């Protein structure tokens, strides 16, 4: 059974709020707009996830909730996973390994550098981006075809289908 993985970095956060810790930083207006663009692209491509796992950091929460609203998914479909915040690649692989076996299209929403390391590991760094060395700027979405077992993700296990950047998408 073929599976797919959607890796999304949270939208651009608001750095202009001195009263917030890193964990509590909200999305900036630009980040909110980018999330809507990515959500619209997911609709157009018929890529609705059947399982969403997100960091509980405020900016990631707002990203996940924004995606759910755009796709008309219940917010209860999001699993808040504290291990994603500040995660290394191995931790993200462990999070994916814990996905229910019946889930076909999983969306992982989190932070760099962990997401970038995960993408490079799964796709064996065989891609070029228009963003220099960073394939996962804020609100970027990578789509990969994956093997039939979430628990066995070796280097190169994923086939990169696309990386979408919100600024390259039309306004909604």
N, C-alpha and C. Protein backbone atom coordinates (compact mmCIF):
# COMPACT_ATOMS: atom_id res chain seq x y z
N UNK A 1 0.85 -1.18 0.00
CA UNK A 1 0.00 0.00 0.00
C UNK A 1 0.90 1.25 0.00
N UNK A 2 0.84 2.03 -1.07
CA UNK A 2 1.67 3.22 -1.18
C UNK A 2 1.12 4.35 -0.31
N UNK A 3 2.00 5.08 0.27
CA UNK A 3 1.63 6.18 1.15
C UNK A 3 2.26 7.47 0.65
N UNK A 4 1.78 8.58 1.20
CA UNK A 4 2.42 9.85 0.88
C UNK A 4 2.62 10.65 2.16
N UNK A 5 3.63 11.49 2.12
CA UNK A 5 3.99 12.33 3.25
C UNK A 5 4.03 13.77 2.78
N UNK A 6 3.36 14.64 3.50
CA UNK A 6 3.39 16.08 3.26
C UNK A 6 4.15 16.70 4.44
N UNK A 7 5.28 17.29 4.14
CA UNK A 7 6.09 17.94 5.17
C UNK A 7 5.92 19.45 5.00
N UNK A 8 5.41 20.10 6.02
CA UNK A 8 5.18 21.54 5.94
C UNK A 8 5.83 22.27 7.10
N UNK A 9 6.60 23.28 6.76
CA UNK A 9 7.14 24.15 7.80
C UNK A 9 6.07 25.19 8.14
N UNK A 10 6.00 25.56 9.40
CA UNK A 10 5.03 26.57 9.84
C UNK A 10 5.18 27.85 9.02
N UNK A 11 4.12 28.64 8.99
CA UNK A 11 4.16 29.93 8.29
C UNK A 11 5.07 30.92 9.00
N UNK A 12 5.37 32.00 8.31
CA UNK A 12 6.22 33.06 8.85
C UNK A 12 5.66 33.57 10.17
N UNK A 13 6.53 33.62 11.17
CA UNK A 13 6.07 34.06 12.49
C UNK A 13 6.33 35.54 12.70
N UNK A 14 5.65 36.08 13.69
CA UNK A 14 5.75 37.49 14.03
C UNK A 14 6.87 37.68 15.04
N UNK A 15 7.92 38.34 14.61
CA UNK A 15 9.07 38.60 15.48
C UNK A 15 8.93 39.93 16.22
N UNK A 16 7.88 40.67 15.96
CA UNK A 16 7.72 42.01 16.53
C UNK A 16 7.02 42.01 17.88
N UNK A 17 6.95 40.87 18.52
CA UNK A 17 6.28 40.80 19.81
C UNK A 17 7.29 40.39 20.88
N UNK A 18 7.72 41.36 21.65
CA UNK A 18 8.72 41.10 22.69
C UNK A 18 8.16 40.29 23.85
N UNK A 19 6.86 40.28 23.99
CA UNK A 19 6.26 39.63 25.15
C UNK A 19 6.10 38.12 24.97
N UNK A 20 6.47 37.58 23.80
CA UNK A 20 6.27 36.16 23.54
C UNK A 20 7.60 35.40 23.56
N UNK A 21 7.58 34.21 24.11
CA UNK A 21 8.73 33.32 24.01
C UNK A 21 8.75 32.75 22.60
N UNK A 22 9.81 32.06 22.22
CA UNK A 22 9.88 31.44 20.91
C UNK A 22 8.69 30.51 20.69
N UNK A 23 8.35 29.72 21.70
CA UNK A 23 7.26 28.76 21.60
C UNK A 23 5.92 29.46 21.36
N UNK A 24 5.75 30.65 21.92
CA UNK A 24 4.46 31.36 21.87
C UNK A 24 4.31 32.30 20.68
N UNK A 25 5.38 32.47 19.86
CA UNK A 25 5.28 33.41 18.74
C UNK A 25 4.16 33.03 17.78
N UNK A 26 3.29 34.00 17.44
CA UNK A 26 2.19 33.73 16.52
C UNK A 26 2.63 33.88 15.06
N UNK A 27 1.73 33.54 14.16
CA UNK A 27 1.98 33.78 12.74
C UNK A 27 1.87 35.27 12.44
N UNK A 28 2.71 35.73 11.54
CA UNK A 28 2.59 37.08 11.01
C UNK A 28 1.49 37.06 9.94
N UNK A 29 1.03 38.23 9.52
CA UNK A 29 0.01 38.29 8.47
C UNK A 29 0.50 37.57 7.21
N UNK A 30 1.77 37.74 6.87
CA UNK A 30 2.35 37.05 5.71
C UNK A 30 2.26 35.54 5.87
N UNK A 31 2.48 35.06 7.09
CA UNK A 31 2.37 33.63 7.36
C UNK A 31 0.95 33.12 7.22
N UNK A 32 -0.01 33.90 7.68
CA UNK A 32 -1.42 33.52 7.55
C UNK A 32 -1.82 33.41 6.07
N UNK A 33 -1.38 34.37 5.28
CA UNK A 33 -1.69 34.38 3.84
C UNK A 33 -1.04 33.17 3.17
N UNK A 34 0.20 32.86 3.54
CA UNK A 34 0.91 31.72 2.94
C UNK A 34 0.21 30.40 3.25
N UNK A 35 -0.29 30.25 4.47
CA UNK A 35 -1.00 29.03 4.86
C UNK A 35 -2.25 28.86 3.99
N UNK A 36 -2.97 29.95 3.74
CA UNK A 36 -4.16 29.88 2.89
C UNK A 36 -3.79 29.46 1.47
N UNK A 37 -2.68 29.98 0.96
CA UNK A 37 -2.23 29.62 -0.39
C UNK A 37 -1.90 28.13 -0.47
N UNK A 38 -1.19 27.64 0.52
CA UNK A 38 -0.82 26.22 0.53
C UNK A 38 -2.09 25.36 0.66
N UNK A 39 -3.00 25.77 1.51
CA UNK A 39 -4.26 25.04 1.65
C UNK A 39 -5.02 24.97 0.34
N UNK A 40 -5.08 26.09 -0.39
CA UNK A 40 -5.76 26.11 -1.69
C UNK A 40 -5.06 25.18 -2.67
N UNK A 41 -3.74 25.17 -2.66
CA UNK A 41 -2.98 24.28 -3.55
C UNK A 41 -3.30 22.82 -3.21
N UNK A 42 -3.38 22.49 -1.93
CA UNK A 42 -3.73 21.12 -1.53
C UNK A 42 -5.11 20.73 -2.06
N UNK A 43 -6.06 21.66 -2.00
CA UNK A 43 -7.40 21.39 -2.54
C UNK A 43 -7.32 21.13 -4.04
N UNK A 44 -6.62 22.00 -4.75
CA UNK A 44 -6.51 21.86 -6.21
C UNK A 44 -5.85 20.53 -6.61
N UNK A 45 -4.90 20.08 -5.82
CA UNK A 45 -4.17 18.85 -6.13
C UNK A 45 -4.86 17.60 -5.55
N UNK A 46 -5.96 17.81 -4.82
CA UNK A 46 -6.68 16.71 -4.16
C UNK A 46 -5.75 15.93 -3.24
N UNK A 47 -5.03 16.67 -2.40
CA UNK A 47 -4.07 16.09 -1.47
C UNK A 47 -4.49 16.32 -0.02
N UNK A 48 -5.69 15.96 0.31
CA UNK A 48 -6.16 16.12 1.68
C UNK A 48 -5.54 15.03 2.56
N UNK A 49 -4.84 15.44 3.62
CA UNK A 49 -4.24 14.43 4.50
C UNK A 49 -5.30 13.71 5.33
N UNK A 50 -5.05 12.45 5.64
CA UNK A 50 -5.96 11.74 6.54
C UNK A 50 -5.39 11.66 7.95
N UNK A 51 -4.22 12.27 8.15
CA UNK A 51 -3.61 12.33 9.48
C UNK A 51 -2.68 13.53 9.51
N UNK A 52 -2.89 14.44 10.46
CA UNK A 52 -2.04 15.62 10.61
C UNK A 52 -1.37 15.56 11.97
N UNK A 53 -0.05 15.71 11.97
CA UNK A 53 0.72 15.74 13.21
C UNK A 53 1.44 17.07 13.23
N UNK A 54 1.29 17.83 14.30
CA UNK A 54 1.86 19.16 14.37
C UNK A 54 2.57 19.42 15.69
N UNK A 55 3.58 20.25 15.59
CA UNK A 55 4.20 20.81 16.79
C UNK A 55 3.13 21.63 17.51
N UNK A 56 3.19 21.68 18.83
CA UNK A 56 2.23 22.50 19.57
C UNK A 56 2.66 23.96 19.71
N UNK A 57 3.82 24.35 19.16
CA UNK A 57 4.22 25.75 19.21
C UNK A 57 3.14 26.59 18.53
N UNK A 58 2.90 27.79 19.02
CA UNK A 58 1.79 28.61 18.55
C UNK A 58 1.77 28.78 17.04
N UNK A 59 2.90 29.10 16.42
CA UNK A 59 2.94 29.34 14.98
C UNK A 59 2.64 28.07 14.19
N UNK A 60 3.06 26.91 14.71
CA UNK A 60 2.74 25.64 14.06
C UNK A 60 1.27 25.29 14.27
N UNK A 61 0.75 25.55 15.46
CA UNK A 61 -0.68 25.32 15.72
C UNK A 61 -1.54 26.14 14.77
N UNK A 62 -1.20 27.42 14.63
CA UNK A 62 -1.98 28.29 13.74
C UNK A 62 -1.87 27.81 12.29
N UNK A 63 -0.72 27.28 11.91
CA UNK A 63 -0.55 26.73 10.56
C UNK A 63 -1.45 25.51 10.38
N UNK A 64 -1.41 24.59 11.32
CA UNK A 64 -2.20 23.36 11.22
C UNK A 64 -3.70 23.67 11.21
N UNK A 65 -4.12 24.56 12.09
CA UNK A 65 -5.54 24.93 12.15
C UNK A 65 -5.95 25.64 10.86
N UNK A 66 -5.10 26.50 10.32
CA UNK A 66 -5.39 27.19 9.06
C UNK A 66 -5.55 26.21 7.90
N UNK A 67 -4.70 25.19 7.86
CA UNK A 67 -4.80 24.15 6.83
C UNK A 67 -6.12 23.40 6.99
N UNK A 68 -6.45 23.02 8.21
CA UNK A 68 -7.71 22.31 8.46
C UNK A 68 -8.91 23.14 8.02
N UNK A 69 -8.91 24.40 8.36
CA UNK A 69 -10.03 25.26 7.98
C UNK A 69 -10.16 25.36 6.46
N UNK A 70 -9.03 25.52 5.78
CA UNK A 70 -9.07 25.64 4.31
C UNK A 70 -9.57 24.34 3.68
N UNK A 71 -9.17 23.20 4.25
CA UNK A 71 -9.56 21.90 3.71
C UNK A 71 -10.89 21.39 4.27
N UNK A 72 -11.49 22.20 5.17
CA UNK A 72 -12.76 21.82 5.82
C UNK A 72 -12.62 20.51 6.60
N UNK A 73 -11.50 20.38 7.29
CA UNK A 73 -11.26 19.24 8.18
C UNK A 73 -11.49 19.68 9.61
N UNK A 74 -11.97 18.79 10.43
CA UNK A 74 -12.16 19.08 11.85
C UNK A 74 -10.80 19.28 12.51
N UNK A 75 -10.71 20.29 13.36
CA UNK A 75 -9.45 20.53 14.09
C UNK A 75 -9.08 19.33 14.96
N UNK A 76 -10.05 18.52 15.29
CA UNK A 76 -9.78 17.32 16.09
C UNK A 76 -8.98 16.28 15.30
N UNK A 77 -8.82 16.50 14.00
CA UNK A 77 -8.01 15.58 13.20
C UNK A 77 -6.51 15.83 13.37
N UNK A 78 -6.16 16.89 14.11
CA UNK A 78 -4.75 17.21 14.35
C UNK A 78 -4.28 16.51 15.61
N UNK A 79 -3.14 15.87 15.53
CA UNK A 79 -2.47 15.32 16.71
C UNK A 79 -1.36 16.30 17.08
N UNK A 80 -1.42 16.83 18.29
CA UNK A 80 -0.38 17.75 18.77
C UNK A 80 0.74 16.91 19.38
N UNK A 81 1.92 17.01 18.82
CA UNK A 81 3.05 16.18 19.23
C UNK A 81 4.18 17.06 19.72
N UNK A 82 4.39 17.10 21.04
CA UNK A 82 5.39 17.98 21.63
C UNK A 82 6.82 17.64 21.19
N UNK A 83 7.07 16.42 20.79
CA UNK A 83 8.43 16.05 20.36
C UNK A 83 8.87 16.75 19.08
N UNK A 84 7.92 17.28 18.31
CA UNK A 84 8.28 17.93 17.05
C UNK A 84 8.99 19.26 17.28
N UNK A 85 8.62 19.98 18.34
CA UNK A 85 9.23 21.29 18.60
C UNK A 85 10.72 21.09 18.92
N UNK A 86 11.59 21.64 18.10
CA UNK A 86 13.03 21.52 18.30
C UNK A 86 13.59 20.15 17.97
N UNK A 87 12.84 19.34 17.24
CA UNK A 87 13.22 17.94 17.01
C UNK A 87 14.38 17.79 16.04
N UNK A 88 15.19 16.80 16.33
CA UNK A 88 16.21 16.32 15.40
C UNK A 88 15.53 15.36 14.44
N UNK A 89 16.23 14.99 13.38
CA UNK A 89 15.67 14.10 12.37
C UNK A 89 15.21 12.77 12.95
N UNK A 90 15.99 12.15 13.81
CA UNK A 90 15.62 10.85 14.35
C UNK A 90 14.31 10.92 15.13
N UNK A 91 14.11 11.99 15.85
CA UNK A 91 12.86 12.16 16.59
C UNK A 91 11.68 12.25 15.62
N UNK A 92 11.87 12.96 14.51
CA UNK A 92 10.80 13.06 13.51
C UNK A 92 10.53 11.70 12.87
N UNK A 93 11.56 10.91 12.65
CA UNK A 93 11.36 9.54 12.14
C UNK A 93 10.59 8.71 13.16
N UNK A 94 10.87 8.90 14.44
CA UNK A 94 10.14 8.18 15.49
C UNK A 94 8.66 8.60 15.52
N UNK A 95 8.41 9.89 15.31
CA UNK A 95 7.03 10.38 15.25
C UNK A 95 6.30 9.73 14.08
N UNK A 96 6.94 9.67 12.92
CA UNK A 96 6.32 9.03 11.76
C UNK A 96 6.11 7.54 11.98
N UNK A 97 7.06 6.89 12.64
CA UNK A 97 6.93 5.45 12.91
C UNK A 97 5.72 5.15 13.77
N UNK A 98 5.28 6.12 14.56
CA UNK A 98 4.13 5.92 15.44
C UNK A 98 2.79 6.19 14.74
N UNK A 99 2.83 6.55 13.46
CA UNK A 99 1.58 6.80 12.72
C UNK A 99 0.77 5.51 12.63
N UNK A 100 -0.53 5.61 12.76
CA UNK A 100 -1.37 4.43 12.59
C UNK A 100 -1.16 3.81 11.20
N UNK A 101 -1.09 2.51 11.15
CA UNK A 101 -0.78 1.79 9.91
C UNK A 101 -1.77 2.08 8.79
N UNK A 102 -3.03 2.38 9.14
CA UNK A 102 -4.04 2.59 8.10
C UNK A 102 -3.97 3.98 7.46
N UNK A 103 -3.15 4.87 7.98
CA UNK A 103 -3.08 6.23 7.44
C UNK A 103 -2.27 6.25 6.16
N UNK A 104 -2.87 6.78 5.10
CA UNK A 104 -2.26 6.79 3.77
C UNK A 104 -1.51 8.08 3.45
N UNK A 105 -2.07 9.23 3.87
CA UNK A 105 -1.45 10.52 3.57
C UNK A 105 -1.30 11.28 4.88
N UNK A 106 -0.07 11.39 5.32
CA UNK A 106 0.25 12.04 6.59
C UNK A 106 0.86 13.41 6.31
N UNK A 107 0.43 14.40 7.09
CA UNK A 107 1.01 15.73 7.02
C UNK A 107 1.72 16.00 8.33
N UNK A 108 2.99 16.39 8.23
CA UNK A 108 3.82 16.70 9.39
C UNK A 108 4.11 18.19 9.35
N UNK A 109 3.72 18.93 10.39
CA UNK A 109 3.92 20.37 10.45
C UNK A 109 4.86 20.69 11.61
N UNK A 110 5.96 21.37 11.29
CA UNK A 110 6.94 21.65 12.33
C UNK A 110 7.91 22.74 11.95
N UNK A 111 9.17 22.51 12.32
CA UNK A 111 10.19 23.56 12.32
C UNK A 111 11.48 23.08 11.65
N UNK A 112 12.25 24.06 11.22
CA UNK A 112 13.63 23.79 10.79
C UNK A 112 14.54 23.92 11.99
N UNK A 113 15.69 23.29 11.99
CA UNK A 113 16.29 22.55 10.88
C UNK A 113 15.82 21.10 10.77
N UNK A 114 15.03 20.62 11.71
CA UNK A 114 14.61 19.22 11.71
C UNK A 114 13.89 18.79 10.45
N UNK A 115 12.93 19.61 9.97
CA UNK A 115 12.19 19.24 8.77
C UNK A 115 13.09 19.15 7.55
N UNK A 116 14.01 20.10 7.44
CA UNK A 116 14.94 20.07 6.31
C UNK A 116 15.81 18.82 6.36
N UNK A 117 16.30 18.47 7.54
CA UNK A 117 17.12 17.26 7.68
C UNK A 117 16.31 16.02 7.31
N UNK A 118 15.04 15.97 7.75
CA UNK A 118 14.18 14.84 7.42
C UNK A 118 13.97 14.74 5.91
N UNK A 119 13.67 15.86 5.27
CA UNK A 119 13.46 15.87 3.82
C UNK A 119 14.71 15.40 3.09
N UNK A 120 15.86 15.91 3.46
CA UNK A 120 17.11 15.52 2.80
C UNK A 120 17.40 14.03 3.02
N UNK A 121 17.08 13.52 4.17
CA UNK A 121 17.28 12.09 4.47
C UNK A 121 16.35 11.22 3.64
N UNK A 122 15.08 11.55 3.65
CA UNK A 122 14.10 10.72 2.94
C UNK A 122 14.26 10.80 1.43
N UNK A 123 14.63 11.98 0.91
CA UNK A 123 14.77 12.16 -0.54
C UNK A 123 16.23 12.06 -0.98
N UNK A 124 17.11 11.72 -0.09
CA UNK A 124 18.56 11.59 -0.32
C UNK A 124 19.14 12.83 -0.99
N UNK A 125 18.62 13.99 -0.62
CA UNK A 125 19.18 15.26 -1.07
C UNK A 125 19.37 15.31 -2.59
N UNK A 126 18.43 14.77 -3.34
CA UNK A 126 18.55 14.72 -4.80
C UNK A 126 17.73 15.80 -5.48
N UNK A 127 17.62 16.96 -4.89
CA UNK A 127 16.78 18.00 -5.45
C UNK A 127 17.48 19.34 -5.40
N UNK A 128 17.07 20.20 -6.29
CA UNK A 128 17.54 21.57 -6.32
C UNK A 128 16.35 22.45 -5.94
N UNK A 129 16.64 23.58 -5.32
CA UNK A 129 15.55 24.49 -4.99
C UNK A 129 15.89 25.88 -5.49
N UNK A 130 14.88 26.69 -5.59
CA UNK A 130 15.10 28.09 -5.97
C UNK A 130 15.40 28.93 -4.74
N UNK A 131 15.58 28.28 -3.60
CA UNK A 131 15.81 28.99 -2.35
C UNK A 131 17.20 28.68 -1.79
N UNK A 132 18.17 28.50 -2.66
CA UNK A 132 19.53 28.25 -2.22
C UNK A 132 19.63 26.93 -1.50
N UNK A 133 20.26 26.95 -0.36
CA UNK A 133 20.51 25.72 0.38
C UNK A 133 19.36 25.34 1.30
N UNK A 134 18.35 26.18 1.42
CA UNK A 134 17.24 25.91 2.32
C UNK A 134 16.00 25.50 1.52
N UNK A 135 15.73 24.20 1.44
CA UNK A 135 14.54 23.78 0.69
C UNK A 135 13.24 24.01 1.45
N UNK A 136 13.32 24.35 2.75
CA UNK A 136 12.11 24.48 3.56
C UNK A 136 12.00 25.85 4.24
N UNK A 137 11.87 26.94 3.44
CA UNK A 137 11.60 28.22 4.09
C UNK A 137 10.19 28.18 4.69
N UNK A 138 9.81 29.21 5.39
CA UNK A 138 8.50 29.19 6.06
C UNK A 138 7.37 28.92 5.07
N UNK A 139 6.45 28.08 5.51
CA UNK A 139 5.24 27.66 4.79
C UNK A 139 5.51 26.82 3.55
N UNK A 140 6.76 26.38 3.35
CA UNK A 140 7.04 25.47 2.23
C UNK A 140 6.38 24.12 2.51
N UNK A 141 6.01 23.45 1.44
CA UNK A 141 5.36 22.14 1.53
C UNK A 141 6.06 21.17 0.59
N UNK A 142 6.60 20.11 1.14
CA UNK A 142 7.20 19.05 0.34
C UNK A 142 6.25 17.86 0.31
N UNK A 143 6.10 17.28 -0.87
CA UNK A 143 5.24 16.12 -1.06
C UNK A 143 6.11 14.95 -1.51
N UNK A 144 6.00 13.83 -0.79
CA UNK A 144 6.80 12.65 -1.10
C UNK A 144 5.92 11.41 -1.21
N UNK A 145 6.25 10.55 -2.13
CA UNK A 145 5.69 9.20 -2.14
C UNK A 145 6.53 8.38 -1.18
N UNK A 146 5.86 7.55 -0.38
CA UNK A 146 6.53 6.82 0.68
C UNK A 146 6.26 5.32 0.56
N UNK A 147 7.11 4.52 1.21
CA UNK A 147 6.86 3.08 1.21
C UNK A 147 5.63 2.73 2.05
N UNK A 148 5.27 1.46 2.04
CA UNK A 148 4.02 1.05 2.68
C UNK A 148 4.11 0.86 4.19
N UNK A 149 5.22 1.22 4.81
CA UNK A 149 5.37 1.01 6.24
C UNK A 149 5.99 2.26 6.87
N UNK A 150 5.24 2.92 7.75
CA UNK A 150 5.75 4.12 8.43
C UNK A 150 6.91 3.80 9.38
N UNK A 151 7.03 2.57 9.77
CA UNK A 151 8.05 2.19 10.76
C UNK A 151 9.42 1.93 10.15
N UNK A 152 9.52 1.81 8.84
CA UNK A 152 10.77 1.42 8.20
C UNK A 152 11.17 2.46 7.16
N UNK A 153 11.68 3.59 7.63
CA UNK A 153 12.04 4.69 6.74
C UNK A 153 13.55 4.89 6.71
N UNK A 154 14.18 4.19 5.79
CA UNK A 154 15.62 4.31 5.61
C UNK A 154 15.94 5.53 4.76
N UNK A 155 17.20 5.89 4.69
CA UNK A 155 17.64 6.97 3.81
C UNK A 155 17.21 6.66 2.39
N UNK A 156 16.61 7.64 1.74
CA UNK A 156 16.15 7.46 0.37
C UNK A 156 14.82 6.74 0.24
N UNK A 157 14.13 6.50 1.36
CA UNK A 157 12.86 5.76 1.32
C UNK A 157 11.76 6.54 0.60
N UNK A 158 11.87 7.85 0.56
CA UNK A 158 10.85 8.67 -0.07
C UNK A 158 11.25 9.13 -1.45
N UNK A 159 10.26 9.32 -2.29
CA UNK A 159 10.49 9.90 -3.61
C UNK A 159 9.86 11.28 -3.64
N UNK A 160 10.70 12.30 -3.77
CA UNK A 160 10.20 13.67 -3.77
C UNK A 160 9.37 13.92 -5.02
N UNK A 161 8.13 14.36 -4.82
CA UNK A 161 7.24 14.68 -5.91
C UNK A 161 7.30 16.17 -6.21
N UNK A 162 7.26 16.99 -5.16
CA UNK A 162 7.30 18.44 -5.36
C UNK A 162 7.65 19.14 -4.06
N UNK A 163 8.16 20.36 -4.22
CA UNK A 163 8.27 21.31 -3.10
C UNK A 163 7.57 22.57 -3.58
N UNK A 164 6.58 22.99 -2.80
CA UNK A 164 5.76 24.14 -3.15
C UNK A 164 6.09 25.29 -2.20
N UNK A 165 6.26 26.47 -2.79
CA UNK A 165 6.54 27.67 -2.02
C UNK A 165 5.37 28.64 -2.20
N UNK A 166 4.80 29.15 -1.11
CA UNK A 166 3.59 29.98 -1.22
C UNK A 166 3.76 31.20 -2.11
N UNK A 167 4.93 31.80 -2.12
CA UNK A 167 5.10 33.02 -2.93
C UNK A 167 5.03 32.72 -4.43
N UNK A 168 5.17 31.45 -4.80
CA UNK A 168 5.08 31.06 -6.21
C UNK A 168 3.66 30.73 -6.63
N UNK A 169 2.74 30.74 -5.68
CA UNK A 169 1.34 30.43 -5.96
C UNK A 169 0.54 31.72 -6.13
N UNK A 170 -0.51 31.64 -6.91
CA UNK A 170 -1.37 32.80 -7.14
C UNK A 170 -2.10 33.18 -5.86
N UNK A 171 -2.46 34.44 -5.76
CA UNK A 171 -3.27 34.89 -4.62
C UNK A 171 -4.61 34.18 -4.64
N UNK A 172 -5.15 34.00 -3.44
CA UNK A 172 -6.44 33.31 -3.32
C UNK A 172 -7.53 34.31 -3.01
